[in-house]
Amino acid sequence: MHRAEFERQLTTLIQKGYPEMAGMTAEAFRKSLVPLQPLAEALPIQEDEQQEGLVPFVLVVKGDWFDGEKAMQAIERKKKAGFSVMDAEEIRRFTPIEGIEIPTGMAYLMTGIDTGNETLNITPNDAMPILLEQQRSPLTLEEGIALITHFPDRVKKNNGFSLLGSRCGDRRVTAMWISENKPKLGWCWAGNPHTWLGSASCLARLDEKTLEAWSSPYQVDTI
């Protein structure tokens, strides 16, 4: 199951122009990411993977390797292309906040993703301690792009989600929502609640070193 899903996501990235954005051939791009496939295959199949708002894992390309504005335009949901109110330069200003450890390398897997149904109408400022208490980590901007690149239906008209894991030094928090039936990357103030906006989070970020650290199948179940 996970092997086929990994291949689907990798193929999606290639078809949406990620190799070109990274200045690589499709073959070189695939070669760089395919070492993560055994990690995906080793992940346990969770009982709640079919629960609303959750996905098994997401293949995330780090922001240094793609143009965020172009990546949003490449997203398609119900035959509508996505868009961003910010250009590529402004998107790059939003970097991971303190406390979020992003794996080294070009890409990694993100697991235990939730799009924030329980934090609808809660400000990003107030949602953060809720996520931390649940031992969850807020999604970064590039992780939000990755999520709806692979699972465009996860952003809904009445359930968009903020990306609390990236900030640029001001009071803004980036978010994904539906505007004119299109996926939109925009921003909202950290202190403002919205009935249609939750705060997305994940449980873990994994790379090749994670697989090397697992000394037995029993350790996989601790993710």
N, C-alpha and C. Protein backbone atom coordinates (compact mmCIF):
# COMPACT_ATOMS: atom_id res chain seq x y z
N MET A 1 0.83 -1.21 0.00
CA MET A 1 0.00 0.00 0.00
C MET A 1 0.87 1.26 0.00
N HIS A 2 1.83 1.33 0.95
CA HIS A 2 2.65 2.52 1.07
C HIS A 2 3.64 2.65 -0.07
N ARG A 3 4.07 1.53 -0.63
CA ARG A 3 4.99 1.60 -1.77
C ARG A 3 4.31 2.26 -2.96
N ALA A 4 3.09 1.86 -3.23
CA ALA A 4 2.35 2.45 -4.35
C ALA A 4 2.06 3.93 -4.09
N GLU A 5 1.76 4.26 -2.83
CA GLU A 5 1.48 5.65 -2.49
C GLU A 5 2.73 6.52 -2.63
N PHE A 6 3.87 5.99 -2.25
CA PHE A 6 5.12 6.74 -2.42
C PHE A 6 5.38 7.01 -3.90
N GLU A 7 5.20 6.01 -4.72
CA GLU A 7 5.43 6.16 -6.15
C GLU A 7 4.45 7.17 -6.74
N ARG A 8 3.22 7.16 -6.27
CA ARG A 8 2.23 8.13 -6.75
C ARG A 8 2.68 9.55 -6.43
N GLN A 9 3.13 9.77 -5.21
CA GLN A 9 3.54 11.11 -4.81
C GLN A 9 4.81 11.56 -5.54
N LEU A 10 5.74 10.66 -5.71
CA LEU A 10 6.97 11.01 -6.43
C LEU A 10 6.65 11.36 -7.88
N THR A 11 5.80 10.57 -8.50
CA THR A 11 5.39 10.85 -9.88
C THR A 11 4.66 12.18 -9.98
N THR A 12 3.83 12.49 -9.00
CA THR A 12 3.12 13.78 -8.98
C THR A 12 4.10 14.94 -8.98
N LEU A 13 5.13 14.87 -8.16
CA LEU A 13 6.12 15.94 -8.09
C LEU A 13 6.83 16.12 -9.43
N ILE A 14 7.16 15.02 -10.07
CA ILE A 14 7.84 15.09 -11.36
C ILE A 14 6.92 15.71 -12.41
N GLN A 15 5.66 15.28 -12.43
CA GLN A 15 4.71 15.79 -13.41
C GLN A 15 4.41 17.27 -13.20
N LYS A 16 4.54 17.75 -11.98
CA LYS A 16 4.23 19.14 -11.68
C LYS A 16 5.44 20.06 -11.78
N GLY A 17 6.54 19.54 -12.31
CA GLY A 17 7.67 20.39 -12.63
C GLY A 17 8.69 20.61 -11.54
N TYR A 18 8.68 19.80 -10.49
CA TYR A 18 9.65 19.98 -9.41
C TYR A 18 11.09 19.77 -9.87
N PRO A 19 11.37 18.79 -10.75
CA PRO A 19 12.76 18.66 -11.22
C PRO A 19 13.27 19.94 -11.89
N GLU A 20 12.45 20.54 -12.74
CA GLU A 20 12.84 21.77 -13.42
C GLU A 20 13.07 22.90 -12.41
N MET A 21 12.20 23.00 -11.41
CA MET A 21 12.37 24.05 -10.41
C MET A 21 13.64 23.85 -9.60
N ALA A 22 14.04 22.59 -9.44
CA ALA A 22 15.25 22.28 -8.69
C ALA A 22 16.50 22.31 -9.56
N GLY A 23 16.32 22.56 -10.87
CA GLY A 23 17.45 22.57 -11.79
C GLY A 23 18.02 21.19 -12.03
N MET A 24 17.14 20.19 -12.05
CA MET A 24 17.56 18.80 -12.20
C MET A 24 16.78 18.13 -13.32
N THR A 25 17.33 17.03 -13.82
CA THR A 25 16.56 16.20 -14.74
C THR A 25 15.57 15.38 -13.91
N ALA A 26 14.54 14.87 -14.57
CA ALA A 26 13.57 14.03 -13.87
C ALA A 26 14.25 12.80 -13.27
N GLU A 27 15.20 12.25 -14.01
CA GLU A 27 15.91 11.06 -13.54
C GLU A 27 16.72 11.36 -12.28
N ALA A 28 17.42 12.49 -12.29
CA ALA A 28 18.22 12.87 -11.12
C ALA A 28 17.33 13.18 -9.92
N PHE A 29 16.21 13.81 -10.18
CA PHE A 29 15.27 14.14 -9.11
C PHE A 29 14.75 12.85 -8.47
N ARG A 30 14.35 11.91 -9.29
CA ARG A 30 13.85 10.62 -8.79
C ARG A 30 14.93 9.91 -7.97
N LYS A 31 16.14 9.92 -8.48
CA LYS A 31 17.24 9.26 -7.80
C LYS A 31 17.49 9.87 -6.43
N SER A 32 17.28 11.18 -6.31
CA SER A 32 17.51 11.86 -5.03
C SER A 32 16.45 11.53 -3.99
N LEU A 33 15.21 11.27 -4.45
CA LEU A 33 14.11 11.04 -3.51
C LEU A 33 13.81 9.58 -3.25
N VAL A 34 14.16 8.70 -4.19
CA VAL A 34 13.76 7.30 -4.07
C VAL A 34 14.35 6.60 -2.84
N PRO A 35 15.48 7.05 -2.26
CA PRO A 35 15.95 6.41 -1.03
C PRO A 35 14.96 6.49 0.13
N LEU A 36 13.97 7.38 0.03
CA LEU A 36 12.95 7.48 1.08
C LEU A 36 11.88 6.40 0.95
N GLN A 37 11.86 5.71 -0.18
CA GLN A 37 10.82 4.70 -0.41
C GLN A 37 10.82 3.59 0.64
N PRO A 38 11.98 3.01 1.00
CA PRO A 38 11.96 1.97 2.04
C PRO A 38 11.40 2.47 3.36
N LEU A 39 11.63 3.75 3.65
CA LEU A 39 11.09 4.33 4.88
C LEU A 39 9.56 4.36 4.82
N ALA A 40 9.02 4.76 3.67
CA ALA A 40 7.57 4.77 3.51
C ALA A 40 7.00 3.36 3.66
N GLU A 41 7.68 2.39 3.08
CA GLU A 41 7.21 1.00 3.15
C GLU A 41 7.25 0.46 4.57
N ALA A 42 8.16 0.98 5.39
CA ALA A 42 8.30 0.51 6.76
C ALA A 42 7.28 1.10 7.72
N LEU A 43 6.61 2.14 7.29
CA LEU A 43 5.62 2.77 8.16
C LEU A 43 4.43 1.84 8.40
N PRO A 44 3.96 1.77 9.63
CA PRO A 44 2.79 0.94 9.90
C PRO A 44 1.54 1.56 9.29
N ILE A 45 0.59 0.73 8.95
CA ILE A 45 -0.70 1.23 8.45
C ILE A 45 -1.58 1.48 9.67
N GLN A 46 -1.88 2.73 9.89
CA GLN A 46 -2.66 3.12 11.06
C GLN A 46 -4.15 2.92 10.83
N GLU A 47 -4.85 2.59 11.90
CA GLU A 47 -6.29 2.38 11.81
C GLU A 47 -7.03 3.65 11.45
N ASP A 48 -6.44 4.81 11.81
CA ASP A 48 -7.15 6.08 11.60
C ASP A 48 -6.77 6.77 10.30
N GLU A 49 -6.07 6.06 9.39
CA GLU A 49 -5.65 6.71 8.16
C GLU A 49 -6.83 7.12 7.29
N GLN A 50 -7.96 6.47 7.46
CA GLN A 50 -9.12 6.82 6.67
C GLN A 50 -10.00 7.86 7.36
N GLN A 51 -9.58 8.26 8.55
CA GLN A 51 -10.34 9.27 9.29
C GLN A 51 -10.29 10.61 8.56
N GLU A 52 -11.37 11.34 8.63
CA GLU A 52 -11.46 12.64 7.96
C GLU A 52 -10.32 13.55 8.39
N GLY A 53 -9.60 14.12 7.42
CA GLY A 53 -8.53 15.07 7.71
C GLY A 53 -7.17 14.46 7.90
N LEU A 54 -7.06 13.13 7.84
CA LEU A 54 -5.78 12.47 8.04
C LEU A 54 -5.31 11.78 6.77
N VAL A 55 -4.00 11.71 6.59
CA VAL A 55 -3.40 11.02 5.45
C VAL A 55 -2.26 10.16 5.96
N PRO A 56 -1.85 9.11 5.23
CA PRO A 56 -0.81 8.21 5.73
C PRO A 56 0.55 8.85 5.88
N PHE A 57 1.00 9.56 4.86
CA PHE A 57 2.27 10.29 4.91
C PHE A 57 2.29 11.24 3.72
N VAL A 58 3.19 12.21 3.79
CA VAL A 58 3.36 13.16 2.69
C VAL A 58 4.85 13.27 2.38
N LEU A 59 5.17 13.20 1.11
CA LEU A 59 6.54 13.40 0.63
C LEU A 59 6.77 14.90 0.46
N VAL A 60 7.65 15.45 1.27
CA VAL A 60 7.87 16.90 1.32
C VAL A 60 9.23 17.24 0.70
N VAL A 61 9.23 18.13 -0.27
CA VAL A 61 10.46 18.68 -0.81
C VAL A 61 10.74 19.99 -0.08
N LYS A 62 11.94 20.16 0.39
CA LYS A 62 12.27 21.36 1.16
C LYS A 62 12.21 22.61 0.28
N GLY A 63 11.85 23.73 0.89
CA GLY A 63 11.60 24.96 0.16
C GLY A 63 12.76 25.50 -0.65
N ASP A 64 13.98 25.12 -0.29
CA ASP A 64 15.15 25.59 -1.04
C ASP A 64 15.19 25.03 -2.46
N TRP A 65 14.39 24.00 -2.71
CA TRP A 65 14.47 23.28 -3.98
C TRP A 65 13.31 23.55 -4.93
N PHE A 66 12.40 24.44 -4.57
CA PHE A 66 11.31 24.73 -5.48
C PHE A 66 10.80 26.16 -5.30
N ASP A 67 10.09 26.63 -6.30
CA ASP A 67 9.48 27.95 -6.31
C ASP A 67 8.07 27.82 -5.75
N GLY A 68 7.82 28.41 -4.58
CA GLY A 68 6.53 28.25 -3.91
C GLY A 68 5.35 28.77 -4.72
N GLU A 69 5.56 29.88 -5.42
CA GLU A 69 4.47 30.43 -6.22
C GLU A 69 4.12 29.50 -7.38
N LYS A 70 5.14 28.98 -8.07
CA LYS A 70 4.90 28.04 -9.17
C LYS A 70 4.29 26.74 -8.66
N ALA A 71 4.74 26.30 -7.49
CA ALA A 71 4.21 25.06 -6.92
C ALA A 71 2.72 25.19 -6.63
N MET A 72 2.29 26.35 -6.15
CA MET A 72 0.87 26.56 -5.90
C MET A 72 0.08 26.57 -7.20
N GLN A 73 0.64 27.16 -8.23
CA GLN A 73 -0.04 27.21 -9.53
C GLN A 73 -0.15 25.83 -10.16
N ALA A 74 0.72 24.91 -9.76
CA ALA A 74 0.71 23.56 -10.30
C ALA A 74 -0.31 22.66 -9.61
N ILE A 75 -0.82 23.10 -8.47
CA ILE A 75 -1.82 22.31 -7.74
C ILE A 75 -3.16 22.39 -8.46
N GLU A 76 -3.83 21.27 -8.55
CA GLU A 76 -5.14 21.23 -9.20
C GLU A 76 -6.16 20.55 -8.30
N ARG A 77 -7.26 21.25 -8.05
CA ARG A 77 -8.36 20.70 -7.25
C ARG A 77 -9.66 20.91 -8.00
N LYS A 78 -10.31 19.83 -8.33
CA LYS A 78 -11.57 19.89 -9.07
C LYS A 78 -11.43 20.74 -10.33
N LYS A 79 -10.34 20.50 -11.05
CA LYS A 79 -10.03 21.16 -12.33
C LYS A 79 -9.75 22.64 -12.21
N LYS A 80 -9.46 23.10 -10.98
CA LYS A 80 -9.11 24.50 -10.76
C LYS A 80 -7.67 24.57 -10.25
N ALA A 81 -6.87 25.43 -10.87
CA ALA A 81 -5.48 25.58 -10.45
C ALA A 81 -5.37 26.43 -9.20
N GLY A 82 -4.38 26.11 -8.36
CA GLY A 82 -4.16 26.88 -7.16
C GLY A 82 -3.44 28.20 -7.46
N PHE A 83 -3.36 29.06 -6.45
CA PHE A 83 -2.64 30.33 -6.61
C PHE A 83 -2.17 30.84 -5.25
N SER A 84 -1.29 31.80 -5.27
CA SER A 84 -0.74 32.40 -4.05
C SER A 84 -0.85 33.91 -4.14
N VAL A 85 -1.17 34.55 -3.01
CA VAL A 85 -1.20 36.01 -2.96
C VAL A 85 0.21 36.55 -2.74
N MET A 86 1.16 35.65 -2.46
CA MET A 86 2.55 36.04 -2.24
C MET A 86 3.40 35.53 -3.39
N ASP A 87 4.42 36.29 -3.77
CA ASP A 87 5.33 35.80 -4.80
C ASP A 87 6.38 34.89 -4.17
N ALA A 88 7.23 34.32 -5.01
CA ALA A 88 8.21 33.35 -4.54
C ALA A 88 9.16 33.94 -3.50
N GLU A 89 9.55 35.19 -3.70
CA GLU A 89 10.48 35.83 -2.77
C GLU A 89 9.86 35.99 -1.38
N GLU A 90 8.60 36.41 -1.33
CA GLU A 90 7.94 36.59 -0.05
C GLU A 90 7.70 35.24 0.63
N ILE A 91 7.36 34.23 -0.13
CA ILE A 91 7.16 32.90 0.42
C ILE A 91 8.43 32.41 1.11
N ARG A 92 9.59 32.68 0.52
CA ARG A 92 10.86 32.22 1.09
C ARG A 92 11.17 32.90 2.42
N ARG A 93 10.54 34.02 2.69
CA ARG A 93 10.78 34.71 3.96
C ARG A 93 10.19 33.94 5.14
N PHE A 94 9.23 33.09 4.87
CA PHE A 94 8.61 32.32 5.95
C PHE A 94 9.43 31.05 6.18
N THR A 95 10.11 31.01 7.31
CA THR A 95 10.99 29.89 7.63
C THR A 95 10.51 29.19 8.89
N PRO A 96 10.95 27.94 9.11
CA PRO A 96 10.50 27.18 10.29
C PRO A 96 10.79 27.90 11.60
N ILE A 97 9.85 27.86 12.50
CA ILE A 97 10.00 28.50 13.80
C ILE A 97 10.93 27.68 14.70
N GLU A 98 11.36 28.30 15.76
CA GLU A 98 12.22 27.62 16.73
C GLU A 98 11.48 26.41 17.32
N GLY A 99 12.19 25.33 17.44
CA GLY A 99 11.58 24.13 18.00
C GLY A 99 11.18 23.10 16.97
N ILE A 100 11.12 23.51 15.70
CA ILE A 100 10.80 22.56 14.63
C ILE A 100 12.11 22.10 13.98
N GLU A 101 12.33 20.80 14.03
CA GLU A 101 13.54 20.24 13.46
C GLU A 101 13.22 19.63 12.09
N ILE A 102 13.70 20.27 11.05
CA ILE A 102 13.49 19.78 9.69
C ILE A 102 14.64 18.84 9.33
N PRO A 103 14.36 17.64 8.84
CA PRO A 103 15.43 16.71 8.46
C PRO A 103 16.37 17.32 7.43
N THR A 104 17.61 16.87 7.46
CA THR A 104 18.57 17.33 6.47
C THR A 104 18.26 16.66 5.13
N GLY A 105 18.88 17.16 4.07
CA GLY A 105 18.65 16.58 2.76
C GLY A 105 17.61 17.33 1.98
N MET A 106 17.31 16.83 0.81
CA MET A 106 16.42 17.51 -0.13
C MET A 106 14.94 17.30 0.20
N ALA A 107 14.61 16.15 0.77
CA ALA A 107 13.20 15.82 1.02
C ALA A 107 13.08 14.90 2.23
N TYR A 108 11.86 14.76 2.72
CA TYR A 108 11.60 13.89 3.87
C TYR A 108 10.13 13.49 3.87
N LEU A 109 9.77 12.60 4.76
CA LEU A 109 8.38 12.17 4.91
C LEU A 109 7.79 12.81 6.15
N MET A 110 6.54 13.20 6.05
CA MET A 110 5.79 13.75 7.17
C MET A 110 4.63 12.81 7.46
N THR A 111 4.44 12.47 8.73
CA THR A 111 3.40 11.50 9.09
C THR A 111 2.46 12.06 10.16
N GLY A 112 1.33 11.39 10.31
CA GLY A 112 0.36 11.79 11.32
C GLY A 112 -0.22 13.16 11.07
N ILE A 113 -0.60 13.44 9.83
CA ILE A 113 -1.06 14.79 9.47
C ILE A 113 -2.53 14.98 9.81
N ASP A 114 -2.82 16.14 10.37
CA ASP A 114 -4.20 16.52 10.68
C ASP A 114 -4.42 17.94 10.20
N THR A 115 -5.55 18.20 9.55
CA THR A 115 -5.79 19.52 8.97
C THR A 115 -6.53 20.49 9.89
N GLY A 116 -6.68 20.12 11.14
CA GLY A 116 -7.14 21.11 12.12
C GLY A 116 -8.62 21.23 12.33
N ASN A 117 -9.37 20.15 12.17
CA ASN A 117 -10.81 20.23 12.41
C ASN A 117 -11.13 20.70 13.83
N GLU A 118 -10.30 20.29 14.80
CA GLU A 118 -10.56 20.61 16.20
C GLU A 118 -10.14 22.03 16.58
N THR A 119 -9.44 22.71 15.68
CA THR A 119 -8.99 24.08 16.00
C THR A 119 -9.66 25.13 15.12
N LEU A 120 -10.76 24.77 14.48
CA LEU A 120 -11.52 25.75 13.72
C LEU A 120 -11.99 26.86 14.66
N ASN A 121 -11.91 28.11 14.19
CA ASN A 121 -12.35 29.27 14.96
C ASN A 121 -11.51 29.52 16.21
N ILE A 122 -10.30 28.97 16.23
CA ILE A 122 -9.34 29.23 17.31
C ILE A 122 -8.15 29.96 16.69
N THR A 123 -7.73 31.05 17.30
CA THR A 123 -6.63 31.82 16.71
C THR A 123 -5.35 30.98 16.64
N PRO A 124 -4.49 31.26 15.68
CA PRO A 124 -3.20 30.56 15.64
C PRO A 124 -2.44 30.68 16.96
N ASN A 125 -2.48 31.85 17.58
CA ASN A 125 -1.79 32.03 18.86
C ASN A 125 -2.32 31.07 19.92
N ASP A 126 -3.63 30.87 19.95
CA ASP A 126 -4.22 29.98 20.94
C ASP A 126 -4.14 28.51 20.52
N ALA A 127 -4.03 28.26 19.22
CA ALA A 127 -3.95 26.88 18.75
C ALA A 127 -2.59 26.27 19.04
N MET A 128 -1.54 27.07 19.04
CA MET A 128 -0.19 26.53 19.23
C MET A 128 -0.04 25.73 20.52
N PRO A 129 -0.44 26.26 21.70
CA PRO A 129 -0.29 25.45 22.92
C PRO A 129 -1.15 24.20 22.91
N ILE A 130 -2.27 24.24 22.18
CA ILE A 130 -3.11 23.04 22.08
C ILE A 130 -2.36 21.94 21.33
N LEU A 131 -1.73 22.32 20.23
CA LEU A 131 -0.97 21.35 19.44
C LEU A 131 0.21 20.79 20.24
N LEU A 132 0.90 21.67 20.94
CA LEU A 132 2.06 21.22 21.71
C LEU A 132 1.65 20.30 22.85
N GLU A 133 0.51 20.58 23.46
CA GLU A 133 0.02 19.72 24.54
C GLU A 133 -0.30 18.32 24.00
N GLN A 134 -0.74 18.26 22.74
CA GLN A 134 -1.05 16.99 22.10
C GLN A 134 0.20 16.33 21.51
N GLN A 135 1.35 16.94 21.74
CA GLN A 135 2.64 16.47 21.21
C GLN A 135 2.62 16.40 19.69
N ARG A 136 1.97 17.39 19.10
CA ARG A 136 1.93 17.53 17.66
C ARG A 136 2.76 18.75 17.26
N SER A 137 3.22 18.77 16.00
CA SER A 137 4.03 19.87 15.51
C SER A 137 3.29 20.61 14.41
N PRO A 138 3.24 21.93 14.46
CA PRO A 138 2.53 22.69 13.42
C PRO A 138 3.21 22.55 12.07
N LEU A 139 2.42 22.49 11.02
CA LEU A 139 2.98 22.38 9.67
C LEU A 139 3.65 23.68 9.25
N THR A 140 4.73 23.54 8.50
CA THR A 140 5.40 24.69 7.90
C THR A 140 4.71 25.04 6.59
N LEU A 141 5.10 26.17 6.02
CA LEU A 141 4.51 26.60 4.75
C LEU A 141 4.77 25.57 3.65
N GLU A 142 6.01 25.11 3.53
CA GLU A 142 6.33 24.15 2.47
C GLU A 142 5.62 22.82 2.68
N GLU A 143 5.36 22.47 3.93
CA GLU A 143 4.62 21.23 4.22
C GLU A 143 3.15 21.39 3.83
N GLY A 144 2.62 22.59 4.00
CA GLY A 144 1.26 22.84 3.56
C GLY A 144 1.12 22.73 2.05
N ILE A 145 2.10 23.26 1.33
CA ILE A 145 2.10 23.13 -0.13
C ILE A 145 2.20 21.67 -0.52
N ALA A 146 3.08 20.91 0.16
CA ALA A 146 3.23 19.49 -0.14
C ALA A 146 1.94 18.73 0.11
N LEU A 147 1.27 19.04 1.21
CA LEU A 147 0.03 18.33 1.55
C LEU A 147 -1.02 18.45 0.47
N ILE A 148 -1.28 19.69 0.01
CA ILE A 148 -2.36 19.82 -0.97
C ILE A 148 -1.88 19.56 -2.40
N THR A 149 -0.56 19.46 -2.59
CA THR A 149 -0.05 18.99 -3.87
C THR A 149 -0.43 17.52 -4.06
N HIS A 150 -0.23 16.74 -3.01
CA HIS A 150 -0.51 15.31 -3.06
C HIS A 150 -1.97 14.97 -2.74
N PHE A 151 -2.60 15.78 -1.89
CA PHE A 151 -3.97 15.53 -1.45
C PHE A 151 -4.78 16.82 -1.55
N PRO A 152 -5.07 17.28 -2.76
CA PRO A 152 -5.74 18.59 -2.94
C PRO A 152 -7.11 18.68 -2.28
N ASP A 153 -7.78 17.55 -2.08
CA ASP A 153 -9.10 17.60 -1.47
C ASP A 153 -9.05 17.80 0.04
N ARG A 154 -7.85 17.82 0.61
CA ARG A 154 -7.73 18.01 2.06
C ARG A 154 -7.96 19.46 2.47
N VAL A 155 -7.90 20.38 1.53
CA VAL A 155 -8.29 21.75 1.84
C VAL A 155 -9.72 21.91 1.35
N LYS A 156 -10.59 22.33 2.25
CA LYS A 156 -12.02 22.37 1.97
C LYS A 156 -12.56 23.79 2.14
N LYS A 157 -13.72 24.01 1.57
CA LYS A 157 -14.33 25.33 1.61
C LYS A 157 -14.54 25.81 3.04
N ASN A 158 -14.97 24.93 3.92
CA ASN A 158 -15.24 25.31 5.30
C ASN A 158 -14.19 24.77 6.27
N ASN A 159 -13.08 24.32 5.75
CA ASN A 159 -11.98 23.84 6.58
C ASN A 159 -10.66 24.05 5.87
N GLY A 160 -10.23 25.32 5.85
CA GLY A 160 -8.87 25.62 5.44
C GLY A 160 -7.98 25.42 6.66
N PHE A 161 -6.69 25.68 6.52
CA PHE A 161 -5.83 25.47 7.68
C PHE A 161 -4.63 26.41 7.67
N SER A 162 -4.28 26.88 8.86
CA SER A 162 -3.11 27.74 9.04
C SER A 162 -1.86 26.89 9.14
N LEU A 163 -0.73 27.52 8.79
CA LEU A 163 0.57 26.84 8.80
C LEU A 163 1.44 27.53 9.84
N LEU A 164 1.22 27.18 11.10
CA LEU A 164 1.85 27.87 12.22
C LEU A 164 3.35 27.63 12.30
N GLY A 165 3.85 26.62 11.58
CA GLY A 165 5.24 26.24 11.71
C GLY A 165 6.22 27.14 10.98
N SER A 166 5.72 28.11 10.21
CA SER A 166 6.60 29.05 9.50
C SER A 166 6.18 30.48 9.82
N ARG A 167 7.16 31.32 10.13
CA ARG A 167 6.90 32.74 10.36
C ARG A 167 8.00 33.56 9.71
N CYS A 168 7.72 34.85 9.52
CA CYS A 168 8.71 35.72 8.87
C CYS A 168 9.07 36.93 9.74
N GLY A 169 8.70 36.89 11.02
CA GLY A 169 9.08 37.98 11.91
C GLY A 169 8.00 38.99 12.19
N ASP A 170 6.82 38.85 11.55
CA ASP A 170 5.72 39.77 11.83
C ASP A 170 4.55 38.99 12.42
N ARG A 171 3.35 39.56 12.41
CA ARG A 171 2.20 38.92 13.04
C ARG A 171 1.41 38.02 12.10
N ARG A 172 1.92 37.82 10.89
CA ARG A 172 1.21 37.01 9.91
C ARG A 172 1.49 35.52 10.06
N VAL A 173 0.46 34.74 9.75
CA VAL A 173 0.59 33.28 9.66
C VAL A 173 0.02 32.88 8.31
N THR A 174 0.76 32.11 7.54
CA THR A 174 0.26 31.68 6.24
C THR A 174 -0.82 30.61 6.41
N ALA A 175 -1.65 30.48 5.41
CA ALA A 175 -2.76 29.53 5.49
C ALA A 175 -3.20 29.11 4.10
N MET A 176 -3.85 27.95 4.06
CA MET A 176 -4.46 27.42 2.84
C MET A 176 -5.96 27.43 2.99
N TRP A 177 -6.66 27.94 1.98
CA TRP A 177 -8.11 27.85 1.99
C TRP A 177 -8.63 27.89 0.56
N ILE A 178 -9.93 27.76 0.41
CA ILE A 178 -10.56 27.78 -0.91
C ILE A 178 -11.11 29.17 -1.19
N SER A 179 -10.71 29.75 -2.32
CA SER A 179 -11.20 31.06 -2.74
C SER A 179 -11.60 30.97 -4.20
N GLU A 180 -12.85 31.29 -4.49
CA GLU A 180 -13.38 31.18 -5.86
C GLU A 180 -13.19 29.76 -6.39
N ASN A 181 -13.38 28.80 -5.49
CA ASN A 181 -13.26 27.37 -5.80
C ASN A 181 -11.84 26.93 -6.14
N LYS A 182 -10.85 27.76 -5.80
CA LYS A 182 -9.46 27.44 -6.08
C LYS A 182 -8.66 27.34 -4.77
N PRO A 183 -7.67 26.44 -4.71
CA PRO A 183 -6.77 26.40 -3.55
C PRO A 183 -5.94 27.68 -3.49
N LYS A 184 -5.92 28.30 -2.34
CA LYS A 184 -5.24 29.58 -2.20
C LYS A 184 -4.24 29.54 -1.05
N LEU A 185 -3.04 30.06 -1.32
CA LEU A 185 -2.07 30.29 -0.26
C LEU A 185 -2.09 31.77 0.07
N GLY A 186 -2.49 32.07 1.28
CA GLY A 186 -2.55 33.46 1.71
C GLY A 186 -2.03 33.58 3.13
N TRP A 187 -2.46 34.61 3.83
CA TRP A 187 -2.04 34.77 5.21
C TRP A 187 -3.16 35.44 6.01
N CYS A 188 -3.11 35.22 7.31
CA CYS A 188 -4.04 35.84 8.26
C CYS A 188 -3.24 36.30 9.47
N TRP A 189 -3.83 37.17 10.27
CA TRP A 189 -3.17 37.62 11.49
C TRP A 189 -3.20 36.52 12.54
N ALA A 190 -2.11 36.37 13.27
CA ALA A 190 -1.98 35.30 14.25
C ALA A 190 -3.01 35.41 15.38
N GLY A 191 -3.54 36.61 15.60
CA GLY A 191 -4.49 36.79 16.70
C GLY A 191 -5.94 36.78 16.29
N ASN A 192 -6.23 36.51 15.02
CA ASN A 192 -7.61 36.53 14.53
C ASN A 192 -8.15 35.11 14.32
N PRO A 193 -9.35 34.83 14.84
CA PRO A 193 -9.97 33.52 14.61
C PRO A 193 -10.83 33.54 13.34
N HIS A 194 -10.99 32.39 12.73
CA HIS A 194 -11.86 32.26 11.57
C HIS A 194 -12.62 30.94 11.69
N THR A 195 -13.91 31.00 11.46
CA THR A 195 -14.73 29.80 11.62
C THR A 195 -14.36 28.71 10.63
N TRP A 196 -13.73 29.08 9.52
CA TRP A 196 -13.41 28.14 8.46
C TRP A 196 -11.94 27.79 8.40
N LEU A 197 -11.18 28.20 9.44
CA LEU A 197 -9.73 28.01 9.42
C LEU A 197 -9.26 27.34 10.70
N GLY A 198 -8.63 26.15 10.52
CA GLY A 198 -8.03 25.45 11.65
C GLY A 198 -6.51 25.58 11.58
N SER A 199 -5.80 24.78 12.37
CA SER A 199 -4.34 24.81 12.36
C SER A 199 -3.83 23.40 12.11
N ALA A 200 -3.13 23.22 10.99
CA ALA A 200 -2.66 21.90 10.58
C ALA A 200 -1.42 21.48 11.38
N SER A 201 -1.27 20.17 11.57
CA SER A 201 -0.15 19.66 12.36
C SER A 201 0.24 18.26 11.90
N CYS A 202 1.38 17.80 12.41
CA CYS A 202 1.83 16.44 12.12
C CYS A 202 2.43 15.85 13.40
N LEU A 203 2.68 14.55 13.33
CA LEU A 203 3.30 13.87 14.47
C LEU A 203 4.80 13.70 14.31
N ALA A 204 5.27 13.52 13.07
CA ALA A 204 6.70 13.25 12.88
C ALA A 204 7.17 13.67 11.50
N ARG A 205 8.48 13.98 11.44
CA ARG A 205 9.18 14.23 10.18
C ARG A 205 10.34 13.23 10.11
N LEU A 206 10.39 12.47 9.04
CA LEU A 206 11.30 11.34 8.97
C LEU A 206 12.16 11.39 7.72
N ASP A 207 13.42 10.93 7.84
CA ASP A 207 14.29 10.83 6.67
C ASP A 207 15.02 9.50 6.71
N GLU A 208 16.01 9.34 5.84
CA GLU A 208 16.73 8.07 5.74
C GLU A 208 17.39 7.67 7.05
N LYS A 209 17.82 8.64 7.83
CA LYS A 209 18.47 8.33 9.10
C LYS A 209 17.49 7.66 10.07
N THR A 210 16.21 7.98 9.93
CA THR A 210 15.20 7.36 10.79
C THR A 210 15.18 5.86 10.57
N LEU A 211 15.20 5.45 9.32
CA LEU A 211 15.17 4.02 8.99
C LEU A 211 16.41 3.31 9.53
N GLU A 212 17.54 3.97 9.44
CA GLU A 212 18.78 3.39 9.94
C GLU A 212 18.72 3.21 11.45
N ALA A 213 17.99 4.10 12.14
CA ALA A 213 17.92 4.04 13.60
C ALA A 213 17.00 2.95 14.12
N TRP A 214 16.08 2.48 13.26
CA TRP A 214 15.17 1.43 13.70
C TRP A 214 15.91 0.10 13.71
N SER A 215 16.13 -0.43 14.86
CA SER A 215 16.88 -1.68 14.97
C SER A 215 16.00 -2.92 14.92
N SER A 216 14.67 -2.70 15.08
CA SER A 216 13.76 -3.84 15.01
C SER A 216 12.40 -3.37 14.55
N PRO A 217 11.54 -4.27 14.02
CA PRO A 217 10.20 -3.89 13.58
C PRO A 217 9.37 -3.30 14.69
N TYR A 218 9.69 -3.64 15.94
CA TYR A 218 8.86 -3.15 17.04
C TYR A 218 9.02 -1.65 17.23
N GLN A 219 10.17 -1.11 16.83
CA GLN A 219 10.38 0.32 17.00
C GLN A 219 9.55 1.13 16.03
N VAL A 220 9.18 0.55 14.89
CA VAL A 220 8.35 1.26 13.93
C VAL A 220 7.03 1.66 14.56
N ASP A 221 6.52 0.81 15.45
CA ASP A 221 5.22 1.07 16.04
C ASP A 221 5.22 2.23 17.00
N THR A 222 6.40 2.78 17.32
CA THR A 222 6.46 3.88 18.27
C THR A 222 6.34 5.24 17.60
N ILE A 223 6.23 5.26 16.29
CA ILE A 223 6.13 6.55 15.59
C ILE A 223 4.83 7.27 15.94
